[in-house]
């Protein structure tokens, strides 16, 4: 089981995201719980990013929304970096 480490900047971004999209709160919480239990679960659609974001991974909340993540695998820790639409996260 992985541990999710929330930074202050991510908490602010997530707060704004949920305020803007309150209808996604339950899907968002479910995504984070599944990420803790099994980061490689197929429904998360985990994938490594490319280009300037090549140090990051992404998982899906649903078809339109993503969470970008930094994985520190040695310590079984996951650090969320950003949340938003595909265009917002991959800019």
PDB file of N, CA and C in Angstrom:
ATOM      1  N   UNK A   1       0.847  -1.186   0.000  1.00  0.00           N
ATOM      2  CA  UNK A   1       0.000   0.000   0.000  1.00  0.00           C
ATOM      3  C   UNK A   1       0.888   1.243   0.000  1.00  0.00           C
ATOM      4  N   UNK A   2       0.562   2.180  -0.843  1.00  0.00           N
ATOM      5  CA  UNK A   2       1.325   3.421  -0.964  1.00  0.00           C
ATOM      6  C   UNK A   2       0.773   4.484  -0.020  1.00  0.00           C
ATOM      7  N   UNK A   3       1.618   5.434   0.308  1.00  0.00           N
ATOM      8  CA  UNK A   3       1.203   6.576   1.131  1.00  0.00           C
ATOM      9  C   UNK A   3       1.161   7.805   0.241  1.00  0.00           C
ATOM     10  N   UNK A   4       0.085   8.575   0.327  1.00  0.00           N
ATOM     11  CA  UNK A   4      -0.016   9.811  -0.438  1.00  0.00           C
ATOM     12  C   UNK A   4       0.414  10.966   0.457  1.00  0.00           C
ATOM     13  N   UNK A   5       1.377  11.747  -0.028  1.00  0.00           N
ATOM     14  CA  UNK A   5       1.895  12.910   0.688  1.00  0.00           C
ATOM     15  C   UNK A   5       1.336  14.151  -0.004  1.00  0.00           C
ATOM     16  N   UNK A   6       0.558  14.943   0.710  1.00  0.00           N
ATOM     17  CA  UNK A   6      -0.066  16.135   0.138  1.00  0.00           C
ATOM     18  C   UNK A   6       0.747  17.382   0.472  1.00  0.00           C
ATOM     19  N   UNK A   7       1.204  18.086  -0.553  1.00  0.00           N
ATOM     20  CA  UNK A   7       1.918  19.344  -0.344  1.00  0.00           C
ATOM     21  C   UNK A   7       0.899  20.471  -0.176  1.00  0.00           C
ATOM     22  N   UNK A   8       1.342  21.577   0.404  1.00  0.00           N
ATOM     23  CA  UNK A   8       0.451  22.732   0.568  1.00  0.00           C
ATOM     24  C   UNK A   8      -0.051  23.242  -0.783  1.00  0.00           C
ATOM     25  N   UNK A   9       0.836  23.287  -1.782  1.00  0.00           N
ATOM     26  CA  UNK A   9       0.413  23.793  -3.093  1.00  0.00           C
ATOM     27  C   UNK A   9      -0.626  22.874  -3.730  1.00  0.00           C
ATOM     28  N   UNK A  10      -0.472  21.553  -3.547  1.00  0.00           N
ATOM     29  CA  UNK A  10      -1.470  20.643  -4.106  1.00  0.00           C
ATOM     30  C   UNK A  10      -2.807  20.789  -3.379  1.00  0.00           C
ATOM     31  N   UNK A  11      -2.768  20.942  -2.079  1.00  0.00           N
ATOM     32  CA  UNK A  11      -4.003  21.095  -1.301  1.00  0.00           C
ATOM     33  C   UNK A  11      -4.766  22.330  -1.775  1.00  0.00           C
ATOM     34  N   UNK A  12      -4.055  23.422  -2.048  1.00  0.00           N
ATOM     35  CA  UNK A  12      -4.710  24.624  -2.582  1.00  0.00           C
ATOM     36  C   UNK A  12      -5.319  24.353  -3.958  1.00  0.00           C
ATOM     37  N   UNK A  13      -4.567  23.710  -4.836  1.00  0.00           N
ATOM     38  CA  UNK A  13      -5.068  23.401  -6.179  1.00  0.00           C
ATOM     39  C   UNK A  13      -6.279  22.472  -6.115  1.00  0.00           C
ATOM     40  N   UNK A  14      -6.202  21.460  -5.281  1.00  0.00           N
ATOM     41  CA  UNK A  14      -7.316  20.519  -5.156  1.00  0.00           C
ATOM     42  C   UNK A  14      -8.547  21.218  -4.584  1.00  0.00           C
ATOM     43  N   UNK A  15      -8.350  22.115  -3.630  1.00  0.00           N
ATOM     44  CA  UNK A  15      -9.468  22.866  -3.058  1.00  0.00           C
ATOM     45  C   UNK A  15     -10.177  23.695  -4.111  1.00  0.00           C
ATOM     46  N   UNK A  16      -9.400  24.365  -4.960  1.00  0.00           N
ATOM     47  CA  UNK A  16      -9.982  25.163  -6.044  1.00  0.00           C
ATOM     48  C   UNK A  16     -10.707  24.269  -7.044  1.00  0.00           C
ATOM     49  N   UNK A  17     -10.101  23.123  -7.344  1.00  0.00           N
ATOM     50  CA  UNK A  17     -10.696  22.189  -8.289  1.00  0.00           C
ATOM     51  C   UNK A  17     -12.050  21.690  -7.783  1.00  0.00           C
ATOM     52  N   UNK A  18     -12.104  21.267  -6.520  1.00  0.00           N
ATOM     53  CA  UNK A  18     -13.346  20.738  -5.945  1.00  0.00           C
ATOM     54  C   UNK A  18     -14.391  21.846  -5.820  1.00  0.00           C
ATOM     55  N   UNK A  19     -13.961  23.051  -5.504  1.00  0.00           N
ATOM     56  CA  UNK A  19     -14.905  24.176  -5.432  1.00  0.00           C
ATOM     57  C   UNK A  19     -15.533  24.441  -6.802  1.00  0.00           C
ATOM     58  N   UNK A  20     -14.726  24.306  -7.849  1.00  0.00           N
ATOM     59  CA  UNK A  20     -15.179  24.530  -9.221  1.00  0.00           C
ATOM     60  C   UNK A  20     -16.005  23.342  -9.748  1.00  0.00           C
ATOM     61  N   UNK A  21     -15.702  22.138  -9.246  1.00  0.00           N
ATOM     62  CA  UNK A  21     -16.351  20.906  -9.725  1.00  0.00           C
ATOM     63  C   UNK A  21     -16.839  20.052  -8.550  1.00  0.00           C
ATOM     64  N   UNK A  22     -17.767  20.547  -7.729  1.00  0.00           N
ATOM     65  CA  UNK A  22     -18.209  19.781  -6.557  1.00  0.00           C
ATOM     66  C   UNK A  22     -18.832  18.429  -6.917  1.00  0.00           C
ATOM     67  N   UNK A  23     -19.347  18.303  -8.132  1.00  0.00           N
ATOM     68  CA  UNK A  23     -19.965  17.049  -8.565  1.00  0.00           C
ATOM     69  C   UNK A  23     -18.939  15.917  -8.726  1.00  0.00           C
ATOM     70  N   UNK A  24     -17.640  16.261  -8.732  1.00  0.00           N
ATOM     71  CA  UNK A  24     -16.584  15.259  -8.899  1.00  0.00           C
ATOM     72  C   UNK A  24     -15.961  14.807  -7.586  1.00  0.00           C
ATOM     73  N   UNK A  25     -16.433  15.336  -6.461  1.00  0.00           N
ATOM     74  CA  UNK A  25     -15.813  15.034  -5.170  1.00  0.00           C
ATOM     75  C   UNK A  25     -15.765  13.537  -4.884  1.00  0.00           C
ATOM     76  N   UNK A  26     -16.853  12.823  -5.070  1.00  0.00           N
ATOM     77  CA  UNK A  26     -16.848  11.390  -4.751  1.00  0.00           C
ATOM     78  C   UNK A  26     -15.927  10.618  -5.695  1.00  0.00           C
ATOM     79  N   UNK A  27     -15.897  10.978  -6.980  1.00  0.00           N
ATOM     80  CA  UNK A  27     -14.984  10.317  -7.920  1.00  0.00           C
ATOM     81  C   UNK A  27     -13.533  10.617  -7.554  1.00  0.00           C
ATOM     82  N   UNK A  28     -13.255  11.849  -7.170  1.00  0.00           N
ATOM     83  CA  UNK A  28     -11.912  12.261  -6.772  1.00  0.00           C
ATOM     84  C   UNK A  28     -11.454  11.464  -5.546  1.00  0.00           C
ATOM     85  N   UNK A  29     -12.300  11.385  -4.534  1.00  0.00           N
ATOM     86  CA  UNK A  29     -11.955  10.637  -3.320  1.00  0.00           C
ATOM     87  C   UNK A  29     -11.733   9.160  -3.631  1.00  0.00           C
ATOM     88  N   UNK A  30     -12.574   8.598  -4.484  1.00  0.00           N
ATOM     89  CA  UNK A  30     -12.439   7.186  -4.872  1.00  0.00           C
ATOM     90  C   UNK A  30     -11.111   6.963  -5.594  1.00  0.00           C
ATOM     91  N   UNK A  31     -10.727   7.899  -6.463  1.00  0.00           N
ATOM     92  CA  UNK A  31      -9.458   7.805  -7.192  1.00  0.00           C
ATOM     93  C   UNK A  31      -8.281   7.800  -6.223  1.00  0.00           C
ATOM     94  N   UNK A  32      -8.298   8.698  -5.239  1.00  0.00           N
ATOM     95  CA  UNK A  32      -7.201   8.764  -4.272  1.00  0.00           C
ATOM     96  C   UNK A  32      -7.120   7.502  -3.416  1.00  0.00           C
ATOM     97  N   UNK A  33      -8.263   6.975  -3.013  1.00  0.00           N
ATOM     98  CA  UNK A  33      -8.281   5.752  -2.208  1.00  0.00           C
ATOM     99  C   UNK A  33      -7.719   4.567  -2.999  1.00  0.00           C
ATOM    100  N   UNK A  34      -8.144   4.451  -4.259  1.00  0.00           N
ATOM    101  CA  UNK A  34      -7.648   3.377  -5.109  1.00  0.00           C
ATOM    102  C   UNK A  34      -6.159   3.532  -5.358  1.00  0.00           C
ATOM    103  N   UNK A  35      -5.707   4.753  -5.515  1.00  0.00           N
ATOM    104  CA  UNK A  35      -4.292   5.039  -5.715  1.00  0.00           C
ATOM    105  C   UNK A  35      -3.464   4.555  -4.519  1.00  0.00           C
ATOM    106  N   UNK A  36      -3.978   4.756  -3.325  1.00  0.00           N
ATOM    107  CA  UNK A  36      -3.284   4.275  -2.120  1.00  0.00           C
ATOM    108  C   UNK A  36      -3.245   2.756  -2.076  1.00  0.00           C
ATOM    109  N   UNK A  37      -4.369   2.139  -2.403  1.00  0.00           N
ATOM    110  CA  UNK A  37      -4.466   0.682  -2.311  1.00  0.00           C
ATOM    111  C   UNK A  37      -3.705  -0.034  -3.423  1.00  0.00           C
ATOM    112  N   UNK A  38      -3.824   0.476  -4.651  1.00  0.00           N
ATOM    113  CA  UNK A  38      -3.206  -0.186  -5.790  1.00  0.00           C
ATOM    114  C   UNK A  38      -2.948   0.822  -6.910  1.00  0.00           C
ATOM    115  N   UNK A  39      -1.788   1.486  -6.893  1.00  0.00           N
ATOM    116  CA  UNK A  39      -1.498   2.510  -7.909  1.00  0.00           C
ATOM    117  C   UNK A  39      -1.549   1.991  -9.347  1.00  0.00           C
ATOM    118  N   UNK A  40      -1.411   0.699  -9.530  1.00  0.00           N
ATOM    119  CA  UNK A  40      -1.407   0.130 -10.884  1.00  0.00           C
ATOM    120  C   UNK A  40      -2.771  -0.420 -11.301  1.00  0.00           C
ATOM    121  N   UNK A  41      -3.815  -0.111 -10.542  1.00  0.00           N
ATOM    122  CA  UNK A  41      -5.153  -0.599 -10.895  1.00  0.00           C
ATOM    123  C   UNK A  41      -5.526  -0.085 -12.293  1.00  0.00           C
ATOM    124  N   UNK A  42      -6.037  -0.944 -13.168  1.00  0.00           N
ATOM    125  CA  UNK A  42      -6.334  -0.538 -14.548  1.00  0.00           C
ATOM    126  C   UNK A  42      -7.299   0.647 -14.682  1.00  0.00           C
ATOM    127  N   UNK A  43      -8.229   0.792 -13.778  1.00  0.00           N
ATOM    128  CA  UNK A  43      -9.202   1.883 -13.912  1.00  0.00           C
ATOM    129  C   UNK A  43      -8.568   3.266 -13.700  1.00  0.00           C
ATOM    130  N   UNK A  44      -7.387   3.329 -13.092  1.00  0.00           N
ATOM    131  CA  UNK A  44      -6.698   4.609 -12.908  1.00  0.00           C
ATOM    132  C   UNK A  44      -6.037   5.090 -14.201  1.00  0.00           C
ATOM    133  N   UNK A  45      -5.806   4.177 -15.116  1.00  0.00           N
ATOM    134  CA  UNK A  45      -5.132   4.497 -16.377  1.00  0.00           C
ATOM    135  C   UNK A  45      -3.802   5.225 -16.134  1.00  0.00           C
ATOM    136  N   UNK A  46      -3.017   4.678 -15.220  1.00  0.00           N
ATOM    137  CA  UNK A  46      -1.709   5.238 -14.874  1.00  0.00           C
ATOM    138  C   UNK A  46      -0.790   5.222 -16.085  1.00  0.00           C
ATOM    139  N   UNK A  47      -0.148   6.349 -16.348  1.00  0.00           N
ATOM    140  CA  UNK A  47       0.843   6.395 -17.412  1.00  0.00           C
ATOM    141  C   UNK A  47       1.879   7.479 -17.133  1.00  0.00           C
ATOM    142  N   UNK A  48       3.083   7.239 -17.638  1.00  0.00           N
ATOM    143  CA  UNK A  48       4.182   8.194 -17.494  1.00  0.00           C
ATOM    144  C   UNK A  48       4.007   9.276 -18.552  1.00  0.00           C
ATOM    145  N   UNK A  49       4.296  10.511 -18.168  1.00  0.00           N
ATOM    146  CA  UNK A  49       4.179  11.620 -19.095  1.00  0.00           C
ATOM    147  C   UNK A  49       5.487  11.804 -19.866  1.00  0.00           C
ATOM    148  N   UNK A  50       5.440  12.636 -20.895  1.00  0.00           N
ATOM    149  CA  UNK A  50       6.594  12.847 -21.764  1.00  0.00           C
ATOM    150  C   UNK A  50       6.937  14.331 -21.838  1.00  0.00           C
ATOM    151  N   UNK A  51       8.049  14.631 -22.479  1.00  0.00           N
ATOM    152  CA  UNK A  51       8.461  16.015 -22.671  1.00  0.00           C
ATOM    153  C   UNK A  51       8.848  16.684 -21.370  1.00  0.00           C
ATOM    154  N   UNK A  52       8.403  17.937 -21.199  1.00  0.00           N
ATOM    155  CA  UNK A  52       8.781  18.700 -19.999  1.00  0.00           C
ATOM    156  C   UNK A  52       8.174  18.114 -18.722  1.00  0.00           C
ATOM    157  N   UNK A  53       7.188  17.231 -18.851  1.00  0.00           N
ATOM    158  CA  UNK A  53       6.558  16.596 -17.688  1.00  0.00           C
ATOM    159  C   UNK A  53       7.030  15.146 -17.508  1.00  0.00           C
ATOM    160  N   UNK A  54       8.170  14.796 -18.083  1.00  0.00           N
ATOM    161  CA  UNK A  54       8.619  13.401 -18.099  1.00  0.00           C
ATOM    162  C   UNK A  54       8.940  12.816 -16.722  1.00  0.00           C
ATOM    163  N   UNK A  55       9.042  13.640 -15.712  1.00  0.00           N
ATOM    164  CA  UNK A  55       9.265  13.148 -14.351  1.00  0.00           C
ATOM    165  C   UNK A  55       7.955  12.771 -13.662  1.00  0.00           C
ATOM    166  N   UNK A  56       6.831  13.056 -14.306  1.00  0.00           N
ATOM    167  CA  UNK A  56       5.517  12.871 -13.699  1.00  0.00           C
ATOM    168  C   UNK A  56       4.756  11.702 -14.298  1.00  0.00           C
ATOM    169  N   UNK A  57       3.794  11.234 -13.528  1.00  0.00           N
ATOM    170  CA  UNK A  57       2.831  10.235 -13.981  1.00  0.00           C
ATOM    171  C   UNK A  57       1.453  10.875 -13.911  1.00  0.00           C
ATOM    172  N   UNK A  58       0.498  10.259 -14.571  1.00  0.00           N
ATOM    173  CA  UNK A  58      -0.861  10.775 -14.535  1.00  0.00           C
ATOM    174  C   UNK A  58      -1.832   9.627 -14.297  1.00  0.00           C
ATOM    175  N   UNK A  59      -2.875   9.912 -13.550  1.00  0.00           N
ATOM    176  CA  UNK A  59      -3.999   8.988 -13.400  1.00  0.00           C
ATOM    177  C   UNK A  59      -5.266   9.762 -13.716  1.00  0.00           C
ATOM    178  N   UNK A  60      -6.310   9.041 -14.031  1.00  0.00           N
ATOM    179  CA  UNK A  60      -7.572   9.660 -14.414  1.00  0.00           C
ATOM    180  C   UNK A  60      -8.578   9.625 -13.283  1.00  0.00           C
ATOM    181  N   UNK A  61      -9.280  10.742 -13.100  1.00  0.00           N
ATOM    182  CA  UNK A  61     -10.444  10.777 -12.218  1.00  0.00           C
ATOM    183  C   UNK A  61     -11.637  10.267 -13.028  1.00  0.00           C
ATOM    184  N   UNK A  62     -11.751  10.760 -14.251  1.00  0.00           N
ATOM    185  CA  UNK A  62     -12.728  10.272 -15.222  1.00  0.00           C
ATOM    186  C   UNK A  62     -12.178  10.609 -16.603  1.00  0.00           C
ATOM    187  N   UNK A  63     -12.978  10.549 -17.627  1.00  0.00           N
ATOM    188  CA  UNK A  63     -12.495  10.785 -18.985  1.00  0.00           C
ATOM    189  C   UNK A  63     -11.906  12.186 -19.158  1.00  0.00           C
ATOM    190  N   UNK A  64     -12.464  13.184 -18.478  1.00  0.00           N
ATOM    191  CA  UNK A  64     -12.044  14.573 -18.684  1.00  0.00           C
ATOM    192  C   UNK A  64     -11.006  15.083 -17.700  1.00  0.00           C
ATOM    193  N   UNK A  65     -10.888  14.496 -16.518  1.00  0.00           N
ATOM    194  CA  UNK A  65     -10.053  15.067 -15.460  1.00  0.00           C
ATOM    195  C   UNK A  65      -8.932  14.128 -15.045  1.00  0.00           C
ATOM    196  N   UNK A  66      -7.767  14.718 -14.789  1.00  0.00           N
ATOM    197  CA  UNK A  66      -6.556  13.982 -14.441  1.00  0.00           C
ATOM    198  C   UNK A  66      -5.942  14.540 -13.151  1.00  0.00           C
ATOM    199  N   UNK A  67      -5.123  13.703 -12.514  1.00  0.00           N
ATOM    200  CA  UNK A  67      -4.261  14.144 -11.427  1.00  0.00           C
ATOM    201  C   UNK A  67      -2.841  13.807 -11.874  1.00  0.00           C
ATOM    202  N   UNK A  68      -1.938  14.770 -11.885  1.00  0.00           N
ATOM    203  CA  UNK A  68      -0.531  14.500 -12.177  1.00  0.00           C
ATOM    204  C   UNK A  68       0.163  14.149 -10.876  1.00  0.00           C
ATOM    205  N   UNK A  69       1.018  13.156 -10.934  1.00  0.00           N
ATOM    206  CA  UNK A  69       1.650  12.665  -9.719  1.00  0.00           C
ATOM    207  C   UNK A  69       3.140  12.482  -9.898  1.00  0.00           C
ATOM    208  N   UNK A  70       3.873  12.700  -8.819  1.00  0.00           N
ATOM    209  CA  UNK A  70       5.274  12.325  -8.760  1.00  0.00           C
ATOM    210  C   UNK A  70       5.323  11.073  -7.901  1.00  0.00           C
ATOM    211  N   UNK A  71       5.953  10.031  -8.399  1.00  0.00           N
ATOM    212  CA  UNK A  71       6.093   8.811  -7.612  1.00  0.00           C
ATOM    213  C   UNK A  71       7.490   8.712  -7.048  1.00  0.00           C
ATOM    214  N   UNK A  72       7.584   8.509  -5.755  1.00  0.00           N
ATOM    215  CA  UNK A  72       8.865   8.190  -5.126  1.00  0.00           C
ATOM    216  C   UNK A  72       8.731   6.724  -4.741  1.00  0.00           C
ATOM    217  N   UNK A  73       9.149   5.871  -5.638  1.00  0.00           N
ATOM    218  CA  UNK A  73       8.870   4.445  -5.512  1.00  0.00           C
ATOM    219  C   UNK A  73       9.640   3.796  -4.368  1.00  0.00           C
ATOM    220  N   UNK A  74      10.857   4.214  -4.117  1.00  0.00           N
ATOM    221  CA  UNK A  74      11.661   3.564  -3.078  1.00  0.00           C
ATOM    222  C   UNK A  74      10.957   3.574  -1.726  1.00  0.00           C
ATOM    223  N   UNK A  75      10.226   4.623  -1.454  1.00  0.00           N
ATOM    224  CA  UNK A  75       9.585   4.767  -0.142  1.00  0.00           C
ATOM    225  C   UNK A  75       8.083   4.510  -0.193  1.00  0.00           C
ATOM    226  N   UNK A  76       7.566   3.990  -1.320  1.00  0.00           N
ATOM    227  CA  UNK A  76       6.126   3.769  -1.476  1.00  0.00           C
ATOM    228  C   UNK A  76       5.323   5.024  -1.187  1.00  0.00           C
ATOM    229  N   UNK A  77       5.809   6.133  -1.691  1.00  0.00           N
ATOM    230  CA  UNK A  77       5.109   7.398  -1.500  1.00  0.00           C
ATOM    231  C   UNK A  77       4.671   7.953  -2.839  1.00  0.00           C
ATOM    232  N   UNK A  78       3.523   8.621  -2.845  1.00  0.00           N
ATOM    233  CA  UNK A  78       2.987   9.288  -4.020  1.00  0.00           C
ATOM    234  C   UNK A  78       2.745  10.732  -3.631  1.00  0.00           C
ATOM    235  N   UNK A  79       3.249  11.643  -4.450  1.00  0.00           N
ATOM    236  CA  UNK A  79       3.081  13.072  -4.165  1.00  0.00           C
ATOM    237  C   UNK A  79       2.281  13.701  -5.305  1.00  0.00           C
ATOM    238  N   UNK A  80       0.999  14.039  -5.074  1.00  0.00           N
ATOM    239  CA  UNK A  80       0.217  14.708  -6.114  1.00  0.00           C
ATOM    240  C   UNK A  80       0.788  16.096  -6.404  1.00  0.00           C
ATOM    241  N   UNK A  81       0.828  16.451  -7.685  1.00  0.00           N
ATOM    242  CA  UNK A  81       1.390  17.733  -8.109  1.00  0.00           C
ATOM    243  C   UNK A  81       0.303  18.671  -8.605  1.00  0.00           C
ATOM    244  N   UNK A  82      -0.611  18.167  -9.423  1.00  0.00           N
ATOM    245  CA  UNK A  82      -1.606  19.037 -10.042  1.00  0.00           C
ATOM    246  C   UNK A  82      -2.880  18.243 -10.289  1.00  0.00           C
ATOM    247  N   UNK A  83      -3.966  18.962 -10.501  1.00  0.00           N
ATOM    248  CA  UNK A  83      -5.261  18.357 -10.788  1.00  0.00           C
ATOM    249  C   UNK A  83      -6.000  19.291 -11.738  1.00  0.00           C
ATOM    250  N   UNK A  84      -6.725  18.720 -12.670  1.00  0.00           N
ATOM    251  CA  UNK A  84      -7.493  19.547 -13.588  1.00  0.00           C
ATOM    252  C   UNK A  84      -7.864  18.797 -14.848  1.00  0.00           C
ATOM    253  N   UNK A  85      -8.363  19.542 -15.826  1.00  0.00           N
ATOM    254  CA  UNK A  85      -8.697  18.936 -17.111  1.00  0.00           C
ATOM    255  C   UNK A  85      -7.411  18.499 -17.797  1.00  0.00           C
ATOM    256  N   UNK A  86      -7.558  17.699 -18.810  1.00  0.00           N
ATOM    257  CA  UNK A  86      -6.418  17.240 -19.586  1.00  0.00           C
ATOM    258  C   UNK A  86      -5.574  18.429 -20.048  1.00  0.00           C
ATOM    259  N   UNK A  87      -6.215  19.458 -20.580  1.00  0.00           N
ATOM    260  CA  UNK A  87      -5.501  20.632 -21.082  1.00  0.00           C
ATOM    261  C   UNK A  87      -4.816  21.411 -19.959  1.00  0.00           C
ATOM    262  N   UNK A  88      -5.470  21.543 -18.806  1.00  0.00           N
ATOM    263  CA  UNK A  88      -4.885  22.274 -17.683  1.00  0.00           C
ATOM    264  C   UNK A  88      -3.661  21.564 -17.119  1.00  0.00           C
ATOM    265  N   UNK A  89      -3.744  20.273 -16.986  1.00  0.00           N
ATOM    266  CA  UNK A  89      -2.673  19.507 -16.354  1.00  0.00           C
ATOM    267  C   UNK A  89      -1.474  19.355 -17.291  1.00  0.00           C
ATOM    268  N   UNK A  90      -1.720  19.203 -18.590  1.00  0.00           N
ATOM    269  CA  UNK A  90      -0.630  18.929 -19.532  1.00  0.00           C
ATOM    270  C   UNK A  90      -0.107  20.182 -20.230  1.00  0.00           C
ATOM    271  N   UNK A  91      -0.445  21.363 -19.738  1.00  0.00           N
ATOM    272  CA  UNK A  91       0.024  22.586 -20.404  1.00  0.00           C
ATOM    273  C   UNK A  91       1.507  22.800 -20.288  1.00  0.00           C
TER     274      UNK A  91
END
